[in-house]
Amino acid sequence: MERIISDSSEAKAGVRALKELVGGTMGPYGFNVMPFAQNISQVFRDGFKVITTYVPDEVIRLNMVQRLRDAASMTHLLAGDGTSTTTVFLATLYLTALAEIEDSEARGVKVMRRLVAEKVTMLLTKMVEELEKMAVKDIGDDVLTKVATLAA
């Protein structure tokens, strides 16, 4: 059964979780990390082992983690090192880009609302001008009396 992603909160949560796990292992003073995967807990200090063993519960989170895992695997294959840096960098890049996209969409909606409001105001102004052109200015009392007599 297909799932439609209405918002990106699950995807962001998966990326953040892996970024925090892998980021903890970085540097000479990196910490040991214990990702919980498939009912087994193991302690790692190597970022690549954390990346390959971490399996989130949600399918959407797993999809995003798999994208980062692919990038880390290619870095490991081609360079042999830097998998943690690649993962943290790409996760940060993804989260920042997603925030910018969401922000620009919000700004886009505001711009569209302003444009629509300006168009409506312009159309109403034109309607008022046309009605003023069509309006009969000073008809006099005798014409008004005839119209009132016919209307009665």
C-alpha atoms as a PDB file:
ATOM      1  CA  MET A   1       0.000   0.000   0.000  1.00  0.00           C
ATOM      2  CA  GLU A   2       1.359   3.397  -0.994  1.00  0.00           C
ATOM      3  CA  ARG A   3       1.888   6.118   1.565  1.00  0.00           C
ATOM      4  CA  ILE A   4       1.595   9.712   0.578  1.00  0.00           C
ATOM      5  CA  ILE A   5       3.968  12.040   2.386  1.00  0.00           C
ATOM      6  CA  SER A   6       1.948  15.074   3.341  1.00  0.00           C
ATOM      7  CA  ASP A   7       4.811  16.645   5.210  1.00  0.00           C
ATOM      8  CA  SER A   8       8.480  15.870   5.539  1.00  0.00           C
ATOM      9  CA  SER A   9       8.610  15.513   9.312  1.00  0.00           C
ATOM     10  CA  GLU A  10       9.278  11.753   9.263  1.00  0.00           C
ATOM     11  CA  ALA A  11      11.997  12.115   6.635  1.00  0.00           C
ATOM     12  CA  LYS A  12      13.618  14.925   8.628  1.00  0.00           C
ATOM     13  CA  ALA A  13      13.426  12.851  11.813  1.00  0.00           C
ATOM     14  CA  GLY A  14      15.287   9.960  10.173  1.00  0.00           C
ATOM     15  CA  VAL A  15      17.999  12.238   8.815  1.00  0.00           C
ATOM     16  CA  ARG A  16      18.404  13.993  12.182  1.00  0.00           C
ATOM     17  CA  ALA A  17      18.623  10.689  14.053  1.00  0.00           C
ATOM     18  CA  LEU A  18      21.382   9.322  11.822  1.00  0.00           C
ATOM     19  CA  LYS A  19      23.204  12.667  11.854  1.00  0.00           C
ATOM     20  CA  GLU A  20      23.231  12.694  15.666  1.00  0.00           C
ATOM     21  CA  LEU A  21      24.340   9.068  15.899  1.00  0.00           C
ATOM     22  CA  VAL A  22      27.154   9.421  13.383  1.00  0.00           C
ATOM     23  CA  GLY A  23      28.132  12.906  14.547  1.00  0.00           C
ATOM     24  CA  GLY A  24      28.764  11.515  18.011  1.00  0.00           C
ATOM     25  CA  THR A  25      31.525   9.260  16.709  1.00  0.00           C
ATOM     26  CA  MET A  26      33.451  12.011  14.921  1.00  0.00           C
ATOM     27  CA  GLY A  27      36.824  13.360  15.944  1.00  0.00           C
ATOM     28  CA  PRO A  28      39.526  12.130  18.289  1.00  0.00           C
ATOM     29  CA  TYR A  29      37.186  12.574  21.260  1.00  0.00           C
ATOM     30  CA  GLY A  30      34.213  10.896  19.609  1.00  0.00           C
ATOM     31  CA  PHE A  31      31.832   8.896  21.725  1.00  0.00           C
ATOM     32  CA  ASN A  32      30.787   5.295  21.557  1.00  0.00           C
ATOM     33  CA  VAL A  33      27.350   4.935  19.978  1.00  0.00           C
ATOM     34  CA  MET A  34      24.812   2.183  20.496  1.00  0.00           C
ATOM     35  CA  PRO A  35      22.256   2.113  17.658  1.00  0.00           C
ATOM     36  CA  PHE A  36      19.326  -0.207  18.275  1.00  0.00           C
ATOM     37  CA  ALA A  37      18.807  -2.327  15.183  1.00  0.00           C
ATOM     38  CA  GLN A  38      16.727  -5.471  14.722  1.00  0.00           C
ATOM     39  CA  ASN A  39      16.440  -6.184  18.474  1.00  0.00           C
ATOM     40  CA  ILE A  40      20.231  -6.173  18.840  1.00  0.00           C
ATOM     41  CA  SER A  41      22.230  -3.428  20.514  1.00  0.00           C
ATOM     42  CA  GLN A  42      25.900  -3.064  19.678  1.00  0.00           C
ATOM     43  CA  VAL A  43      28.373  -0.404  20.704  1.00  0.00           C
ATOM     44  CA  PHE A  44      30.426   1.244  17.950  1.00  0.00           C
ATOM     45  CA  ARG A  45      32.893   4.056  17.716  1.00  0.00           C
ATOM     46  CA  ASP A  46      33.272   3.865  13.945  1.00  0.00           C
ATOM     47  CA  GLY A  47      30.801   6.018  12.004  1.00  0.00           C
ATOM     48  CA  PHE A  48      30.607   3.648   9.040  1.00  0.00           C
ATOM     49  CA  LYS A  49      29.536   0.739  11.269  1.00  0.00           C
ATOM     50  CA  VAL A  50      26.871   2.963  12.839  1.00  0.00           C
ATOM     51  CA  ILE A  51      25.627   3.964   9.392  1.00  0.00           C
ATOM     52  CA  THR A  52      25.397   0.399   8.149  1.00  0.00           C
ATOM     53  CA  THR A  53      23.715  -1.024  11.251  1.00  0.00           C
ATOM     54  CA  TYR A  54      21.196   1.710  12.106  1.00  0.00           C
ATOM     55  CA  VAL A  55      17.710   0.714  10.942  1.00  0.00           C
ATOM     56  CA  PRO A  56      14.864   3.082  11.859  1.00  0.00           C
ATOM     57  CA  ASP A  57      11.344   1.803  12.498  1.00  0.00           C
ATOM     58  CA  GLU A  58       9.452   4.006  10.038  1.00  0.00           C
ATOM     59  CA  VAL A  59       9.592   3.276   6.311  1.00  0.00           C
ATOM     60  CA  ILE A  60      10.009   6.946   5.390  1.00  0.00           C
ATOM     61  CA  ARG A  61      12.851   7.336   7.876  1.00  0.00           C
ATOM     62  CA  LEU A  62      14.444   4.173   6.496  1.00  0.00           C
ATOM     63  CA  ASN A  63      14.240   5.572   2.968  1.00  0.00           C
ATOM     64  CA  MET A  64      16.105   8.749   3.917  1.00  0.00           C
ATOM     65  CA  VAL A  65      18.676   6.820   5.969  1.00  0.00           C
ATOM     66  CA  GLN A  66      19.246   4.543   2.971  1.00  0.00           C
ATOM     67  CA  ARG A  67      20.087   7.571   0.796  1.00  0.00           C
ATOM     68  CA  LEU A  68      22.701   8.690   3.331  1.00  0.00           C
ATOM     69  CA  ARG A  69      23.948   5.115   3.666  1.00  0.00           C
ATOM     70  CA  ASP A  70      24.467   4.942  -0.118  1.00  0.00           C
ATOM     71  CA  ALA A  71      26.527   8.143  -0.051  1.00  0.00           C
ATOM     72  CA  ALA A  72      28.617   6.868   2.856  1.00  0.00           C
ATOM     73  CA  SER A  73      29.181   3.532   1.087  1.00  0.00           C
ATOM     74  CA  MET A  74      30.414   5.306  -2.044  1.00  0.00           C
ATOM     75  CA  THR A  75      32.746   7.441   0.075  1.00  0.00           C
ATOM     76  CA  HIS A  76      34.039   4.309   1.814  1.00  0.00           C
ATOM     77  CA  LEU A  77      34.516   2.557  -1.529  1.00  0.00           C
ATOM     78  CA  LEU A  78      36.238   5.445  -3.309  1.00  0.00           C
ATOM     79  CA  ALA A  79      38.164   7.148  -0.501  1.00  0.00           C
ATOM     80  CA  GLY A  80      38.247   4.583   2.285  1.00  0.00           C
ATOM     81  CA  ASP A  81      37.608   7.233   4.905  1.00  0.00           C
ATOM     82  CA  GLY A  82      35.352  10.219   5.553  1.00  0.00           C
ATOM     83  CA  THR A  83      32.060   8.359   5.772  1.00  0.00           C
ATOM     84  CA  SER A  84      31.026  10.109   8.970  1.00  0.00           C
ATOM     85  CA  THR A  85      31.880  13.506   7.524  1.00  0.00           C
ATOM     86  CA  THR A  86      29.969  12.710   4.344  1.00  0.00           C
ATOM     87  CA  THR A  87      26.911  11.600   6.287  1.00  0.00           C
ATOM     88  CA  VAL A  88      26.856  14.613   8.604  1.00  0.00           C
ATOM     89  CA  PHE A  89      27.532  17.014   5.728  1.00  0.00           C
ATOM     90  CA  LEU A  90      24.785  15.591   3.501  1.00  0.00           C
ATOM     91  CA  ALA A  91      22.310  15.423   6.386  1.00  0.00           C
ATOM     92  CA  THR A  92      22.975  19.070   7.227  1.00  0.00           C
ATOM     93  CA  LEU A  93      22.733  20.011   3.558  1.00  0.00           C
ATOM     94  CA  TYR A  94      19.408  18.171   3.213  1.00  0.00           C
ATOM     95  CA  LEU A  95      17.887  19.695   6.353  1.00  0.00           C
ATOM     96  CA  THR A  96      19.030  23.204   5.400  1.00  0.00           C
ATOM     97  CA  ALA A  97      17.770  22.891   1.832  1.00  0.00           C
ATOM     98  CA  LEU A  98      14.436  21.533   3.028  1.00  0.00           C
ATOM     99  CA  ALA A  99      14.052  24.426   5.467  1.00  0.00           C
ATOM    100  CA  GLU A 100      14.797  26.907   2.663  1.00  0.00           C
ATOM    101  CA  ILE A 101      12.270  25.238   0.370  1.00  0.00           C
ATOM    102  CA  GLU A 102       9.579  25.301   3.050  1.00  0.00           C
ATOM    103  CA  ASP A 103      10.391  28.949   3.787  1.00  0.00           C
ATOM    104  CA  SER A 104      10.257  29.925   0.124  1.00  0.00           C
ATOM    105  CA  GLU A 105       6.931  28.103  -0.291  1.00  0.00           C
ATOM    106  CA  ALA A 106       5.535  30.077   2.637  1.00  0.00           C
ATOM    107  CA  ARG A 107       6.832  33.285   1.097  1.00  0.00           C
ATOM    108  CA  GLY A 108       5.399  32.202  -2.256  1.00  0.00           C
ATOM    109  CA  VAL A 109       1.949  31.789  -0.734  1.00  0.00           C
ATOM    110  CA  LYS A 110       2.169  35.253   0.805  1.00  0.00           C
ATOM    111  CA  VAL A 111       3.246  36.742  -2.522  1.00  0.00           C
ATOM    112  CA  MET A 112       0.378  34.999  -4.319  1.00  0.00           C
ATOM    113  CA  ARG A 113      -2.125  36.263  -1.748  1.00  0.00           C
ATOM    114  CA  ARG A 114      -0.810  39.796  -2.168  1.00  0.00           C
ATOM    115  CA  LEU A 115      -1.013  39.551  -5.969  1.00  0.00           C
ATOM    116  CA  VAL A 116      -4.562  38.213  -5.806  1.00  0.00           C
ATOM    117  CA  ALA A 117      -5.557  40.982  -3.400  1.00  0.00           C
ATOM    118  CA  GLU A 118      -4.034  43.579  -5.721  1.00  0.00           C
ATOM    119  CA  LYS A 119      -5.864  42.113  -8.731  1.00  0.00           C
ATOM    120  CA  VAL A 120      -9.193  42.049  -6.883  1.00  0.00           C
ATOM    121  CA  THR A 121      -8.701  45.640  -5.782  1.00  0.00           C
ATOM    122  CA  MET A 122      -7.846  46.662  -9.345  1.00  0.00           C
ATOM    123  CA  LEU A 123     -10.917  44.871 -10.741  1.00  0.00           C
ATOM    124  CA  LEU A 124     -13.205  46.466  -8.145  1.00  0.00           C
ATOM    125  CA  THR A 125     -11.789  49.888  -8.970  1.00  0.00           C
ATOM    126  CA  LYS A 126     -12.450  49.323 -12.696  1.00  0.00           C
ATOM    127  CA  MET A 127     -16.002  48.167 -11.945  1.00  0.00           C
ATOM    128  CA  VAL A 128     -16.695  51.298  -9.918  1.00  0.00           C
ATOM    129  CA  GLU A 129     -15.301  53.472 -12.724  1.00  0.00           C
ATOM    130  CA  GLU A 130     -17.484  51.719 -15.326  1.00  0.00           C
ATOM    131  CA  LEU A 131     -20.580  52.048 -13.135  1.00  0.00           C
ATOM    132  CA  GLU A 132     -19.863  55.756 -12.685  1.00  0.00           C
ATOM    133  CA  LYS A 133     -19.621  56.116 -16.474  1.00  0.00           C
ATOM    134  CA  MET A 134     -22.964  54.353 -16.962  1.00  0.00           C
ATOM    135  CA  ALA A 135     -24.740  56.220 -14.178  1.00  0.00           C
ATOM    136  CA  VAL A 136     -27.191  58.968 -15.130  1.00  0.00           C
ATOM    137  CA  LYS A 137     -26.009  62.160 -13.529  1.00  0.00           C
ATOM    138  CA  ASP A 138     -28.698  64.838 -13.053  1.00  0.00           C
ATOM    139  CA  ILE A 139     -32.041  63.617 -14.337  1.00  0.00           C
ATOM    140  CA  GLY A 140     -34.276  66.360 -12.935  1.00  0.00           C
ATOM    141  CA  ASP A 141     -37.583  66.211 -11.032  1.00  0.00           C
ATOM    142  CA  ASP A 142     -39.888  65.701 -14.025  1.00  0.00           C
ATOM    143  CA  VAL A 143     -38.033  62.553 -15.236  1.00  0.00           C
ATOM    144  CA  LEU A 144     -37.981  61.211 -11.692  1.00  0.00           C
ATOM    145  CA  THR A 145     -41.720  61.744 -11.387  1.00  0.00           C
ATOM    146  CA  LYS A 146     -42.369  59.863 -14.644  1.00  0.00           C
ATOM    147  CA  VAL A 147     -40.179  56.904 -13.548  1.00  0.00           C
ATOM    148  CA  ALA A 148     -41.911  56.811 -10.134  1.00  0.00           C
ATOM    149  CA  THR A 149     -45.340  56.893 -11.806  1.00  0.00           C
ATOM    150  CA  LEU A 150     -44.441  54.000 -14.130  1.00  0.00           C
ATOM    151  CA  ALA A 151     -42.948  51.979 -11.294  1.00  0.00           C
ATOM    152  CA  ALA A 152     -46.106  52.327  -9.231  1.00  0.00           C
END
